[in-house]
Amino acid sequence: MAKSKYNSKTFPKLAEEYAKQGFGDKAIAKKLGIAESTFYEYVKKYPKFSEALKRGKAPSDEKVENAYYNLAVGHYVQEEKRFLGSNGDVKETVITKKWVQSERASFNWLCNRMSDKWSNSQHITSENKTDLDISQADAIMANMTLEERQTMIKKVLKKNQE
């Protein structure tokens, strides 16, 4: 049986740092000089290694989750703009832009977070439509106004919080 390359002092620290930098499991294994299968063995065998990976991945995962959520429900973004004034001075202003929600992101969110209500095998009903298969949700949502989509999503998210 071959001797393990696992180093309890350096591997958890390195794995956490690589995960913080956004590297995936396969890339982390390569950076540690081990096979991907060995990497997963270490995850199962060494709790400190597994915990370090989770800590390293958490901030990036949270950022992506928040960005996806904002994409699903729409949001406002403030941007600083600089421009040259008529007298040659640099002027700064803050512009607020509205990012309209993505119907696909909203639908994916609902299917993943509320699969009991929004699965591919279930049906949904729109006030103006008959009972339709969920695979047609994109078409349904495309025919809704932005306000109707936002209202529908808010109702579903509110029910989920209850």
Protein backbone atom coordinates (compact mmCIF):
# COMPACT_ATOMS: atom_id res chain seq x y z
CA MET A 1 0.00 0.00 0.00
CA ALA A 2 1.37 3.38 -1.03
CA LYS A 3 2.06 6.04 1.56
CA SER A 4 -0.43 8.91 1.60
CA LYS A 5 0.78 12.32 0.43
CA TYR A 6 -1.63 13.95 2.86
CA ASN A 7 0.00 16.58 5.06
CA SER A 8 -2.30 17.58 7.92
CA LYS A 9 -0.54 20.92 8.39
CA THR A 10 -0.41 22.20 4.82
CA PHE A 11 -3.19 20.47 2.85
CA PRO A 12 -6.16 22.02 4.68
CA LYS A 13 -4.63 25.51 4.48
CA LEU A 14 -3.73 25.15 0.81
CA ALA A 15 -7.11 23.65 -0.09
CA GLU A 16 -8.94 26.48 1.67
CA GLU A 17 -6.84 29.12 -0.08
CA TYR A 18 -7.27 27.53 -3.51
CA ALA A 19 -11.02 27.27 -2.93
CA LYS A 20 -11.15 30.96 -1.93
CA GLN A 21 -9.45 31.78 -5.22
CA GLY A 22 -12.27 30.02 -7.07
CA PHE A 23 -10.56 26.80 -8.08
CA GLY A 24 -12.79 23.74 -8.40
CA ASP A 25 -12.10 20.35 -6.84
CA LYS A 26 -10.28 18.98 -9.88
CA ALA A 27 -7.98 22.02 -10.07
CA ILE A 28 -7.32 21.93 -6.32
CA ALA A 29 -6.35 18.27 -6.56
CA LYS A 30 -3.95 19.08 -9.38
CA LYS A 31 -2.43 21.99 -7.42
CA LEU A 32 -1.95 19.66 -4.44
CA GLY A 33 -0.26 17.11 -6.70
CA ILE A 34 -2.82 14.38 -6.14
CA ALA A 35 -5.34 12.53 -8.29
CA GLU A 36 -8.94 13.69 -8.22
CA SER A 37 -9.98 10.34 -6.71
CA THR A 38 -7.40 10.82 -3.95
CA PHE A 39 -8.75 14.31 -3.35
CA TYR A 40 -12.24 12.89 -2.70
CA GLU A 41 -10.77 10.21 -0.43
CA TYR A 42 -9.15 12.98 1.61
CA VAL A 43 -12.45 14.86 1.78
CA LYS A 44 -14.09 11.75 3.30
CA LYS A 45 -11.17 10.69 5.48
CA TYR A 46 -9.94 14.02 6.91
CA PRO A 47 -12.60 16.26 8.48
CA LYS A 48 -10.22 19.23 8.77
CA PHE A 49 -9.52 19.01 5.03
CA SER A 50 -13.25 18.85 4.22
CA GLU A 51 -14.06 21.75 6.57
CA ALA A 52 -11.26 23.87 5.09
CA LEU A 53 -12.68 23.32 1.60
CA LYS A 54 -16.16 24.35 2.76
CA ARG A 55 -14.80 27.50 4.41
CA GLY A 56 -12.85 28.36 1.28
CA LYS A 57 -15.79 27.82 -1.07
CA ALA A 58 -18.43 29.57 1.06
CA PRO A 59 -17.67 33.23 0.19
CA SER A 60 -17.56 32.61 -3.57
CA ASP A 61 -20.64 30.40 -3.46
CA GLU A 62 -22.51 33.07 -1.53
CA LYS A 63 -21.53 35.76 -4.05
CA VAL A 64 -22.74 33.62 -6.95
CA GLU A 65 -25.91 32.70 -5.11
CA ASN A 66 -26.67 36.36 -4.41
CA ALA A 67 -25.93 37.33 -8.01
CA TYR A 68 -28.21 34.56 -9.28
CA TYR A 69 -30.94 35.61 -6.86
CA ASN A 70 -30.65 39.22 -8.08
CA LEU A 71 -30.87 37.95 -11.65
CA ALA A 72 -33.99 35.96 -10.78
CA VAL A 73 -35.86 38.82 -9.10
CA GLY A 74 -34.31 41.87 -10.74
CA HIS A 75 -32.41 44.55 -8.89
CA TYR A 76 -30.93 48.02 -9.03
CA VAL A 77 -27.25 48.79 -9.51
CA GLN A 78 -25.56 52.09 -8.85
CA GLU A 79 -22.66 53.06 -11.08
CA GLU A 80 -20.33 56.01 -10.76
CA LYS A 81 -19.84 57.87 -14.01
CA ARG A 82 -17.20 60.48 -14.74
CA PHE A 83 -17.41 62.88 -17.61
CA LEU A 84 -15.76 66.05 -18.78
CA GLY A 85 -17.83 69.16 -18.03
CA SER A 86 -18.23 72.04 -20.44
CA ASN A 87 -15.56 74.06 -18.63
CA GLY A 88 -13.06 71.18 -18.76
CA ASP A 89 -13.50 69.92 -15.22
CA VAL A 90 -14.21 66.29 -14.39
CA LYS A 91 -17.68 65.72 -13.03
CA GLU A 92 -18.90 62.65 -11.20
CA THR A 93 -22.43 61.39 -10.91
CA VAL A 94 -24.10 58.22 -9.68
CA ILE A 95 -26.50 56.55 -12.07
CA THR A 96 -28.99 53.95 -10.89
CA LYS A 97 -29.73 51.24 -13.42
CA LYS A 98 -32.46 48.65 -13.15
CA TRP A 99 -31.56 45.11 -14.10
CA VAL A 100 -34.75 43.42 -15.24
CA GLN A 101 -35.27 39.96 -13.89
CA SER A 102 -34.46 36.96 -16.03
CA GLU A 103 -37.45 34.71 -16.57
CA ARG A 104 -35.17 31.69 -16.99
CA ALA A 105 -33.32 32.43 -13.74
CA SER A 106 -36.64 32.94 -11.94
CA PHE A 107 -37.98 29.65 -13.27
CA ASN A 108 -34.76 27.78 -12.42
CA TRP A 109 -34.83 29.26 -8.91
CA LEU A 110 -38.41 28.14 -8.39
CA CYS A 111 -37.78 24.64 -9.77
CA ASN A 112 -34.73 24.15 -7.57
CA ARG A 113 -35.90 25.84 -4.38
CA MET A 114 -39.55 24.83 -4.54
CA SER A 115 -39.50 21.62 -6.53
CA ASP A 116 -42.69 20.38 -4.83
CA LYS A 117 -44.58 23.23 -6.51
CA TRP A 118 -42.40 23.86 -9.57
CA SER A 119 -41.19 20.54 -10.93
CA ASN A 120 -41.22 19.42 -14.55
CA SER A 121 -43.86 16.80 -13.75
CA GLN A 122 -46.31 19.27 -12.24
CA HIS A 123 -48.58 21.80 -13.84
CA ILE A 124 -49.05 25.50 -13.30
CA THR A 125 -52.05 27.66 -13.95
CA SER A 126 -51.94 31.23 -15.16
CA GLU A 127 -55.04 33.38 -14.67
CA ASN A 128 -55.27 33.86 -18.44
CA LYS A 129 -54.25 30.33 -19.41
CA THR A 130 -55.54 26.80 -18.92
CA ASP A 131 -53.58 24.25 -16.91
CA LEU A 132 -50.19 23.88 -18.64
CA ASP A 133 -47.16 21.64 -18.26
CA ILE A 134 -44.23 23.37 -16.51
CA SER A 135 -42.03 22.86 -19.58
CA GLN A 136 -44.11 25.63 -21.16
CA ALA A 137 -43.32 28.07 -18.34
CA ASP A 138 -40.90 30.09 -20.46
CA ALA A 139 -43.65 30.78 -22.97
CA ILE A 140 -46.11 31.66 -20.22
CA MET A 141 -43.70 34.03 -18.55
CA ALA A 142 -42.68 35.59 -21.84
CA ASN A 143 -46.32 36.59 -22.37
CA MET A 144 -46.61 38.13 -18.91
CA THR A 145 -45.75 41.72 -18.20
CA LEU A 146 -42.80 42.44 -15.96
CA GLU A 147 -45.21 43.40 -13.18
CA GLU A 148 -47.11 40.12 -13.53
CA ARG A 149 -43.88 38.10 -13.37
CA GLN A 150 -42.66 40.04 -10.33
CA THR A 151 -46.01 39.60 -8.58
CA MET A 152 -46.03 35.87 -9.26
CA ILE A 153 -42.47 35.42 -7.99
CA LYS A 154 -43.11 37.55 -4.89
CA LYS A 155 -46.18 35.45 -4.04
CA VAL A 156 -44.25 32.21 -4.43
CA LEU A 157 -41.28 33.48 -2.42
CA LYS A 158 -43.64 34.75 0.29
CA LYS A 159 -45.34 31.35 0.50
CA ASN A 160 -41.91 29.73 0.76
CA GLN A 161 -41.03 31.92 3.75
CA GLU A 162 -44.25 31.03 5.61
